[in-house]
């Protein structure tokens, strides 16, 4: 018995799509990680130090213990270590959302130093508020950028609001 010809055609099309997706992914992964913009201050705390591009991506991947397909990255220290900001620009907004979901699942189910204390929806942005390591933490994504802010509790709400305003403006909202 011979197989219908349409099966061979379908197989060829699927193979071609697979090769195309693989080629596109290899191009994206091979591109160098670019710097991303960060606020010059947060809650009146001046920017003291920063990492951009590949150095920032390496630090973010070290914290995640895995490779993350980032287009851009930044890590920033504000004040005298009162606030630290990590920013990952993922290839597509759906990628930032997926990484956010993975982080949330891991925090809820694995042993981490963080406890999610609140989830907020602010003008279409889901924000996770956490406690841990003596600081308050916020993470959220706007567009393709995922933000994580660790900040001393007395400055937390002001720092978060400054960052959210910056993130929305950077994304054109």
N, C-alpha and C. Protein backbone atom coordinates (compact mmCIF):
# COMPACT_ATOMS: atom_id res chain seq x y z
N UNK A 1 0.82 -1.18 0.00
CA UNK A 1 0.00 0.00 0.00
C UNK A 1 0.87 1.25 0.00
N UNK A 2 0.54 2.16 -0.83
CA UNK A 2 1.31 3.40 -0.84
C UNK A 2 0.58 4.46 -0.02
N UNK A 3 1.37 5.31 0.56
CA UNK A 3 0.79 6.40 1.37
C UNK A 3 0.32 7.51 0.44
N UNK A 4 -0.73 8.19 0.86
CA UNK A 4 -1.19 9.32 0.03
C UNK A 4 -0.09 10.37 -0.10
N UNK A 5 -0.03 10.99 -1.25
CA UNK A 5 1.01 11.99 -1.52
C UNK A 5 0.91 13.20 -0.61
N UNK A 6 -0.30 13.54 -0.16
CA UNK A 6 -0.45 14.73 0.67
C UNK A 6 0.32 14.60 1.99
N UNK A 7 0.52 13.37 2.47
CA UNK A 7 1.29 13.18 3.70
C UNK A 7 2.75 13.59 3.51
N UNK A 8 3.30 13.26 2.36
CA UNK A 8 4.69 13.66 2.08
C UNK A 8 4.78 15.17 1.97
N UNK A 9 3.80 15.77 1.34
CA UNK A 9 3.80 17.24 1.23
C UNK A 9 3.67 17.90 2.58
N UNK A 10 2.81 17.37 3.42
CA UNK A 10 2.65 17.91 4.78
C UNK A 10 3.94 17.73 5.58
N UNK A 11 4.56 16.59 5.46
CA UNK A 11 5.82 16.34 6.16
C UNK A 11 6.90 17.34 5.71
N UNK A 12 6.96 17.60 4.42
CA UNK A 12 7.95 18.55 3.89
C UNK A 12 7.68 19.97 4.40
N UNK A 13 6.41 20.34 4.45
CA UNK A 13 6.05 21.67 4.95
C UNK A 13 6.42 21.80 6.42
N UNK A 14 6.08 20.80 7.23
CA UNK A 14 6.41 20.84 8.66
C UNK A 14 7.91 20.87 8.89
N UNK A 15 8.65 20.10 8.11
CA UNK A 15 10.10 20.12 8.22
C UNK A 15 10.65 21.50 7.88
N UNK A 16 10.13 22.10 6.82
CA UNK A 16 10.56 23.44 6.42
C UNK A 16 10.26 24.47 7.50
N UNK A 17 9.08 24.38 8.12
CA UNK A 17 8.73 25.31 9.19
C UNK A 17 9.67 25.12 10.38
N UNK A 18 9.97 23.87 10.71
CA UNK A 18 10.89 23.58 11.82
C UNK A 18 12.27 24.15 11.57
N UNK A 19 12.78 23.99 10.36
CA UNK A 19 14.10 24.53 10.01
C UNK A 19 14.08 26.06 10.09
N UNK A 20 13.01 26.68 9.59
CA UNK A 20 12.89 28.14 9.64
C UNK A 20 12.85 28.65 11.08
N UNK A 21 12.06 28.02 11.93
CA UNK A 21 11.99 28.43 13.34
C UNK A 21 13.35 28.25 14.01
N UNK A 22 14.00 27.14 13.75
CA UNK A 22 15.34 26.90 14.31
C UNK A 22 16.34 27.96 13.88
N UNK A 23 16.29 28.31 12.60
CA UNK A 23 17.21 29.35 12.09
C UNK A 23 16.93 30.69 12.74
N UNK A 24 15.65 31.05 12.87
CA UNK A 24 15.31 32.33 13.50
C UNK A 24 15.74 32.35 14.97
N UNK A 25 15.50 31.27 15.69
CA UNK A 25 15.91 31.21 17.09
C UNK A 25 17.42 31.31 17.24
N UNK A 26 18.17 30.66 16.36
CA UNK A 26 19.63 30.72 16.46
C UNK A 26 20.13 32.13 16.17
N UNK A 27 19.47 32.85 15.27
CA UNK A 27 19.85 34.24 14.99
C UNK A 27 19.56 35.11 16.21
N UNK A 28 18.38 34.93 16.81
CA UNK A 28 18.02 35.73 17.98
C UNK A 28 18.94 35.47 19.16
N UNK A 29 19.25 34.20 19.43
CA UNK A 29 20.09 33.87 20.56
C UNK A 29 21.52 34.34 20.34
N UNK A 30 21.97 34.36 19.10
CA UNK A 30 23.34 34.76 18.81
C UNK A 30 23.55 36.27 18.89
N UNK A 31 22.46 37.04 18.84
CA UNK A 31 22.60 38.50 18.91
C UNK A 31 23.08 38.91 20.28
N UNK A 32 23.97 39.91 20.36
CA UNK A 32 24.43 40.35 21.67
C UNK A 32 23.31 41.04 22.44
N UNK A 33 23.35 40.88 23.75
CA UNK A 33 22.36 41.50 24.63
C UNK A 33 22.66 43.00 24.70
N UNK A 34 21.65 43.81 24.47
CA UNK A 34 21.80 45.26 24.43
C UNK A 34 21.50 45.88 25.80
N UNK A 35 22.01 47.10 26.05
CA UNK A 35 21.62 47.82 27.27
C UNK A 35 20.15 48.23 27.17
N UNK A 36 19.48 48.34 28.30
CA UNK A 36 18.13 48.88 28.35
C UNK A 36 18.13 50.08 29.28
N UNK A 37 17.18 50.96 29.08
CA UNK A 37 17.14 52.18 29.88
C UNK A 37 16.66 51.88 31.30
N UNK A 38 17.17 52.66 32.23
CA UNK A 38 16.80 52.56 33.64
C UNK A 38 16.56 53.96 34.18
N UNK A 39 15.78 54.09 35.25
CA UNK A 39 15.54 55.42 35.81
C UNK A 39 16.82 56.01 36.42
N UNK A 40 17.03 57.31 36.29
CA UNK A 40 18.22 57.93 36.89
C UNK A 40 18.13 58.00 38.41
N UNK A 41 16.92 57.90 38.95
CA UNK A 41 16.72 57.85 40.39
C UNK A 41 15.40 57.15 40.67
N UNK A 42 15.28 56.63 41.87
CA UNK A 42 14.04 55.98 42.32
C UNK A 42 13.80 56.44 43.75
N UNK A 43 12.62 56.99 44.02
CA UNK A 43 12.26 57.47 45.36
C UNK A 43 13.33 58.41 45.91
N UNK A 44 13.81 59.29 45.04
CA UNK A 44 14.86 60.26 45.37
C UNK A 44 16.20 59.62 45.70
N UNK A 45 16.37 58.35 45.40
CA UNK A 45 17.66 57.69 45.57
C UNK A 45 18.41 57.78 44.25
N UNK A 46 19.62 58.33 44.26
CA UNK A 46 20.36 58.44 43.00
C UNK A 46 20.92 57.08 42.54
N UNK A 47 21.07 56.95 41.24
CA UNK A 47 21.71 55.78 40.65
C UNK A 47 23.18 55.79 41.06
N UNK A 48 23.66 54.72 41.70
CA UNK A 48 25.05 54.64 42.18
C UNK A 48 25.93 53.74 41.33
N UNK A 49 25.35 52.68 40.79
CA UNK A 49 26.13 51.74 39.98
C UNK A 49 25.18 51.00 39.07
N UNK A 50 25.72 50.49 37.97
CA UNK A 50 24.88 49.75 37.03
C UNK A 50 25.69 48.80 36.19
N UNK A 51 25.02 47.80 35.66
CA UNK A 51 25.55 46.90 34.65
C UNK A 51 24.57 46.94 33.49
N UNK A 52 25.09 46.88 32.28
CA UNK A 52 24.25 46.87 31.10
C UNK A 52 24.65 45.71 30.20
N UNK A 53 23.75 45.35 29.30
CA UNK A 53 24.04 44.40 28.24
C UNK A 53 24.46 43.03 28.76
N UNK A 54 25.53 42.46 28.17
CA UNK A 54 25.93 41.08 28.51
C UNK A 54 26.27 40.89 29.99
N UNK A 55 26.89 41.90 30.62
CA UNK A 55 27.23 41.78 32.04
C UNK A 55 25.96 41.69 32.89
N UNK A 56 24.98 42.52 32.58
CA UNK A 56 23.71 42.47 33.31
C UNK A 56 22.99 41.15 33.04
N UNK A 57 22.99 40.71 31.80
CA UNK A 57 22.34 39.43 31.46
C UNK A 57 22.98 38.29 32.23
N UNK A 58 24.30 38.29 32.35
CA UNK A 58 24.98 37.23 33.09
C UNK A 58 24.56 37.23 34.56
N UNK A 59 24.40 38.40 35.14
CA UNK A 59 23.97 38.49 36.54
C UNK A 59 22.53 37.99 36.69
N UNK A 60 21.65 38.36 35.78
CA UNK A 60 20.25 37.91 35.83
C UNK A 60 20.18 36.40 35.65
N UNK A 61 20.94 35.87 34.72
CA UNK A 61 20.94 34.42 34.50
C UNK A 61 21.54 33.68 35.69
N UNK A 62 22.51 34.28 36.37
CA UNK A 62 23.08 33.66 37.57
C UNK A 62 22.00 33.53 38.64
N UNK A 63 21.20 34.57 38.82
CA UNK A 63 20.12 34.53 39.81
C UNK A 63 19.05 33.50 39.46
N UNK A 64 18.76 33.36 38.17
CA UNK A 64 17.75 32.40 37.73
C UNK A 64 18.29 30.98 37.60
N UNK A 65 19.60 30.87 37.58
CA UNK A 65 20.28 29.57 37.40
C UNK A 65 19.91 28.91 36.09
N UNK A 66 19.69 29.74 35.09
CA UNK A 66 19.38 29.21 33.75
C UNK A 66 19.57 30.31 32.72
N UNK A 67 19.70 29.88 31.48
CA UNK A 67 19.82 30.82 30.36
C UNK A 67 18.45 31.40 30.05
N UNK A 68 18.41 32.71 29.81
CA UNK A 68 17.17 33.40 29.47
C UNK A 68 17.40 34.11 28.14
N UNK A 69 16.54 33.91 27.16
CA UNK A 69 16.73 34.55 25.85
C UNK A 69 16.37 36.04 25.91
N UNK A 70 17.36 36.85 26.29
CA UNK A 70 17.15 38.29 26.45
C UNK A 70 17.66 39.06 25.25
N UNK A 71 16.95 40.11 24.91
CA UNK A 71 17.37 41.06 23.90
C UNK A 71 18.17 42.18 24.57
N UNK A 72 17.82 42.50 25.81
CA UNK A 72 18.49 43.56 26.54
C UNK A 72 18.42 43.30 28.03
N UNK A 73 19.32 43.95 28.78
CA UNK A 73 19.34 43.75 30.22
C UNK A 73 20.02 44.92 30.91
N UNK A 74 19.62 45.13 32.17
CA UNK A 74 20.27 46.13 33.03
C UNK A 74 20.09 45.70 34.47
N UNK A 75 21.08 46.03 35.29
CA UNK A 75 21.01 45.88 36.74
C UNK A 75 21.47 47.21 37.31
N UNK A 76 20.72 47.76 38.27
CA UNK A 76 21.04 49.07 38.81
C UNK A 76 20.97 49.08 40.33
N UNK A 77 21.88 49.80 40.94
CA UNK A 77 21.93 49.98 42.38
C UNK A 77 21.64 51.44 42.68
N UNK A 78 20.70 51.69 43.59
CA UNK A 78 20.29 53.05 43.94
C UNK A 78 20.60 53.33 45.41
N UNK A 79 20.95 54.59 45.68
CA UNK A 79 21.27 55.00 47.04
C UNK A 79 22.49 54.26 47.54
N UNK A 80 22.46 53.90 48.80
CA UNK A 80 23.55 53.13 49.40
C UNK A 80 23.17 51.66 49.46
N UNK A 81 22.60 51.17 48.37
CA UNK A 81 22.12 49.80 48.33
C UNK A 81 20.69 49.68 48.82
N UNK A 82 19.99 50.84 48.91
CA UNK A 82 18.60 50.84 49.38
C UNK A 82 17.66 50.20 48.38
N UNK A 83 18.05 50.18 47.11
CA UNK A 83 17.19 49.60 46.08
C UNK A 83 18.06 49.01 44.98
N UNK A 84 17.64 47.86 44.49
CA UNK A 84 18.31 47.21 43.36
C UNK A 84 17.24 46.88 42.33
N UNK A 85 17.55 47.16 41.08
CA UNK A 85 16.62 46.94 39.98
C UNK A 85 17.26 46.00 38.97
N UNK A 86 16.48 45.00 38.54
CA UNK A 86 16.88 44.10 37.46
C UNK A 86 15.86 44.26 36.34
N UNK A 87 16.35 44.43 35.11
CA UNK A 87 15.46 44.58 33.96
C UNK A 87 15.91 43.60 32.87
N UNK A 88 14.97 42.80 32.39
CA UNK A 88 15.22 41.88 31.28
C UNK A 88 14.30 42.26 30.14
N UNK A 89 14.86 42.49 28.98
CA UNK A 89 14.04 42.72 27.79
C UNK A 89 14.01 41.40 27.03
N UNK A 90 12.85 40.75 27.07
CA UNK A 90 12.68 39.45 26.43
C UNK A 90 12.25 39.70 24.99
N UNK A 91 12.44 38.74 24.11
CA UNK A 91 12.23 38.95 22.67
C UNK A 91 10.84 39.45 22.33
N UNK A 92 9.83 38.94 23.00
CA UNK A 92 8.46 39.32 22.70
C UNK A 92 7.71 39.52 24.01
N UNK A 93 6.65 40.34 24.02
CA UNK A 93 5.86 40.49 25.25
C UNK A 93 5.36 39.16 25.82
N UNK A 94 5.01 38.22 24.96
CA UNK A 94 4.55 36.91 25.46
C UNK A 94 5.68 36.20 26.20
N UNK A 95 6.93 36.44 25.79
CA UNK A 95 8.08 35.85 26.50
C UNK A 95 8.25 36.45 27.88
N UNK A 96 8.04 37.76 28.00
CA UNK A 96 8.13 38.42 29.32
C UNK A 96 7.02 37.89 30.22
N UNK A 97 5.83 37.74 29.67
CA UNK A 97 4.71 37.20 30.43
C UNK A 97 5.01 35.77 30.88
N UNK A 98 5.56 34.95 29.99
CA UNK A 98 5.86 33.55 30.31
C UNK A 98 6.92 33.47 31.41
N UNK A 99 7.95 34.29 31.34
CA UNK A 99 8.98 34.29 32.38
C UNK A 99 8.37 34.75 33.70
N UNK A 100 7.52 35.75 33.67
CA UNK A 100 6.84 36.22 34.88
C UNK A 100 6.01 35.08 35.49
N UNK A 101 5.30 34.34 34.66
CA UNK A 101 4.50 33.22 35.15
C UNK A 101 5.37 32.12 35.74
N UNK A 102 6.49 31.84 35.10
CA UNK A 102 7.42 30.81 35.60
C UNK A 102 7.97 31.24 36.96
N UNK A 103 8.35 32.51 37.09
CA UNK A 103 8.87 33.01 38.37
C UNK A 103 7.80 32.88 39.46
N UNK A 104 6.58 33.26 39.13
CA UNK A 104 5.49 33.19 40.11
C UNK A 104 5.26 31.75 40.55
N UNK A 105 5.24 30.83 39.62
CA UNK A 105 5.05 29.42 39.95
C UNK A 105 6.18 28.92 40.84
N UNK A 106 7.39 29.29 40.51
CA UNK A 106 8.55 28.83 41.30
C UNK A 106 8.50 29.40 42.71
N UNK A 107 8.18 30.67 42.84
CA UNK A 107 8.11 31.29 44.16
C UNK A 107 7.02 30.63 45.00
N UNK A 108 5.92 30.28 44.38
CA UNK A 108 4.81 29.65 45.11
C UNK A 108 5.06 28.20 45.48
N UNK A 109 5.89 27.49 44.71
CA UNK A 109 6.01 26.05 44.93
C UNK A 109 7.39 25.58 45.39
N UNK A 110 8.42 26.35 45.18
CA UNK A 110 9.77 25.91 45.54
C UNK A 110 10.25 26.67 46.78
N UNK A 111 11.33 26.19 47.34
CA UNK A 111 11.91 26.90 48.47
C UNK A 111 12.69 28.10 47.95
N UNK A 112 12.18 29.27 48.26
CA UNK A 112 12.87 30.52 47.92
C UNK A 112 12.80 31.42 49.15
N UNK A 113 13.59 32.46 49.20
CA UNK A 113 13.50 33.38 50.34
C UNK A 113 12.33 34.36 50.22
N UNK A 114 11.48 34.19 49.21
CA UNK A 114 10.41 35.16 48.94
C UNK A 114 9.03 34.57 49.21
N UNK A 115 8.15 35.46 49.66
CA UNK A 115 6.74 35.13 49.85
C UNK A 115 5.92 36.19 49.16
N UNK A 116 5.05 35.77 48.24
CA UNK A 116 4.15 36.72 47.58
C UNK A 116 3.10 37.14 48.60
N UNK A 117 3.04 38.43 48.88
CA UNK A 117 2.08 38.94 49.86
C UNK A 117 0.88 39.62 49.22
N UNK A 118 1.03 39.98 47.95
CA UNK A 118 -0.05 40.72 47.29
C UNK A 118 0.12 40.64 45.78
N UNK A 119 -1.00 40.64 45.08
CA UNK A 119 -1.02 40.81 43.63
C UNK A 119 -1.93 41.99 43.36
N UNK A 120 -1.45 42.91 42.52
CA UNK A 120 -2.24 44.09 42.18
C UNK A 120 -2.39 44.16 40.66
N UNK A 121 -3.47 44.75 40.24
CA UNK A 121 -3.67 45.07 38.82
C UNK A 121 -3.74 46.59 38.74
N UNK A 122 -2.76 47.21 38.10
CA UNK A 122 -2.71 48.67 37.99
C UNK A 122 -2.70 49.03 36.51
N UNK A 123 -3.80 49.58 36.04
CA UNK A 123 -3.93 49.99 34.63
C UNK A 123 -3.46 48.90 33.67
N UNK A 124 -3.89 47.68 33.91
CA UNK A 124 -3.56 46.58 33.02
C UNK A 124 -2.23 45.92 33.28
N UNK A 125 -1.49 46.34 34.30
CA UNK A 125 -0.20 45.74 34.64
C UNK A 125 -0.38 44.93 35.92
N UNK A 126 -0.11 43.61 35.85
CA UNK A 126 -0.18 42.76 37.04
C UNK A 126 1.15 42.91 37.78
N UNK A 127 1.04 43.27 39.06
CA UNK A 127 2.21 43.51 39.90
C UNK A 127 2.20 42.51 41.05
N UNK A 128 3.33 41.87 41.27
CA UNK A 128 3.49 40.94 42.38
C UNK A 128 4.34 41.64 43.45
N UNK A 129 3.84 41.62 44.69
CA UNK A 129 4.54 42.23 45.82
C UNK A 129 5.00 41.09 46.72
N UNK A 130 6.26 41.14 47.11
CA UNK A 130 6.84 40.06 47.89
C UNK A 130 7.59 40.60 49.10
N UNK A 131 7.79 39.73 50.08
CA UNK A 131 8.67 39.99 51.21
C UNK A 131 9.78 38.98 51.15
N UNK A 132 10.96 39.37 51.62
CA UNK A 132 12.08 38.44 51.67
C UNK A 132 13.40 39.17 51.68
N UNK A 133 14.38 38.58 52.29
CA UNK A 133 15.74 39.11 52.39
C UNK A 133 15.77 40.51 53.02
N UNK A 134 14.80 40.81 53.88
CA UNK A 134 14.77 42.09 54.58
C UNK A 134 14.29 43.26 53.73
N UNK A 135 13.85 43.00 52.52
CA UNK A 135 13.37 44.06 51.64
C UNK A 135 11.99 43.72 51.12
N UNK A 136 11.36 44.72 50.53
CA UNK A 136 10.12 44.47 49.80
C UNK A 136 10.52 44.36 48.33
N UNK A 137 9.85 43.47 47.64
CA UNK A 137 10.16 43.21 46.23
C UNK A 137 8.90 43.38 45.40
N UNK A 138 9.09 43.86 44.19
CA UNK A 138 8.01 44.01 43.22
C UNK A 138 8.51 43.45 41.91
N UNK A 139 7.68 42.69 41.23
CA UNK A 139 8.03 42.35 39.85
C UNK A 139 6.79 42.42 38.98
N UNK A 140 7.03 42.77 37.71
CA UNK A 140 5.95 42.95 36.76
C UNK A 140 6.57 43.08 35.38
N UNK A 141 5.75 42.92 34.36
CA UNK A 141 6.25 43.19 33.01
C UNK A 141 5.36 44.24 32.35
N UNK A 142 6.01 45.06 31.53
CA UNK A 142 5.33 46.03 30.68
C UNK A 142 5.91 45.82 29.29
N UNK A 143 5.05 45.42 28.36
CA UNK A 143 5.55 45.08 27.03
C UNK A 143 6.48 43.88 27.13
N UNK A 144 7.65 43.98 26.52
CA UNK A 144 8.60 42.87 26.52
C UNK A 144 9.61 42.97 27.67
N UNK A 145 9.46 43.95 28.54
CA UNK A 145 10.42 44.12 29.65
C UNK A 145 9.85 43.62 30.96
N UNK A 146 10.67 42.82 31.63
CA UNK A 146 10.33 42.30 32.94
C UNK A 146 11.19 43.04 33.96
N UNK A 147 10.55 43.62 34.98
CA UNK A 147 11.21 44.41 36.01
C UNK A 147 11.11 43.69 37.36
N UNK A 148 12.21 43.72 38.12
CA UNK A 148 12.19 43.24 39.51
C UNK A 148 12.90 44.31 40.32
N UNK A 149 12.22 44.81 41.34
CA UNK A 149 12.76 45.84 42.22
C UNK A 149 12.81 45.31 43.64
N UNK A 150 13.98 45.38 44.27
CA UNK A 150 14.16 45.06 45.69
C UNK A 150 14.48 46.38 46.38
N UNK A 151 13.72 46.71 47.44
CA UNK A 151 13.87 48.03 48.05
C UNK A 151 13.60 47.96 49.55
N UNK A 152 14.29 48.82 50.30
CA UNK A 152 14.05 48.90 51.74
C UNK A 152 12.60 49.29 51.99
N UNK A 153 11.95 48.64 52.97
CA UNK A 153 10.51 48.87 53.19
C UNK A 153 10.06 50.33 53.33
N UNK A 154 10.78 51.20 54.03
CA UNK A 154 10.25 52.57 54.15
C UNK A 154 10.15 53.32 52.81
N UNK A 155 10.93 52.89 51.83
CA UNK A 155 10.95 53.55 50.53
C UNK A 155 10.15 52.79 49.47
N UNK A 156 9.58 51.67 49.86
CA UNK A 156 9.04 50.72 48.89
C UNK A 156 7.97 51.29 47.98
N UNK A 157 6.92 51.85 48.53
CA UNK A 157 5.81 52.31 47.68
C UNK A 157 6.23 53.44 46.75
N UNK A 158 7.01 54.39 47.25
CA UNK A 158 7.46 55.50 46.40
C UNK A 158 8.38 54.98 45.28
N UNK A 159 9.28 54.06 45.62
CA UNK A 159 10.20 53.50 44.62
C UNK A 159 9.42 52.71 43.57
N UNK A 160 8.47 51.91 44.03
CA UNK A 160 7.67 51.12 43.10
C UNK A 160 6.92 52.04 42.14
N UNK A 161 6.27 53.07 42.67
CA UNK A 161 5.48 53.96 41.81
C UNK A 161 6.36 54.67 40.79
N UNK A 162 7.56 55.11 41.22
CA UNK A 162 8.50 55.73 40.29
C UNK A 162 8.89 54.76 39.18
N UNK A 163 9.16 53.51 39.55
CA UNK A 163 9.55 52.51 38.55
C UNK A 163 8.41 52.20 37.60
N UNK A 164 7.22 52.02 38.13
CA UNK A 164 6.07 51.73 37.26
C UNK A 164 5.82 52.87 36.29
N UNK A 165 5.89 54.10 36.75
CA UNK A 165 5.73 55.26 35.86
C UNK A 165 6.80 55.26 34.77
N UNK A 166 8.05 54.97 35.16
CA UNK A 166 9.16 54.92 34.20
C UNK A 166 8.92 53.80 33.18
N UNK A 167 8.54 52.62 33.66
CA UNK A 167 8.34 51.46 32.77
C UNK A 167 7.23 51.74 31.76
N UNK A 168 6.14 52.33 32.23
CA UNK A 168 5.02 52.63 31.32
C UNK A 168 5.44 53.67 30.28
N UNK A 169 6.19 54.67 30.72
CA UNK A 169 6.65 55.70 29.78
C UNK A 169 7.64 55.11 28.78
N UNK A 170 8.55 54.25 29.24
CA UNK A 170 9.52 53.62 28.35
C UNK A 170 8.82 52.76 27.29
N UNK A 171 7.69 52.17 27.66
CA UNK A 171 6.94 51.32 26.72
C UNK A 171 5.97 52.13 25.86
N UNK A 172 5.89 53.42 26.11
CA UNK A 172 5.00 54.28 25.31
C UNK A 172 3.57 54.29 25.78
N UNK A 173 3.32 53.94 27.04
CA UNK A 173 1.96 53.95 27.58
C UNK A 173 1.68 55.28 28.24
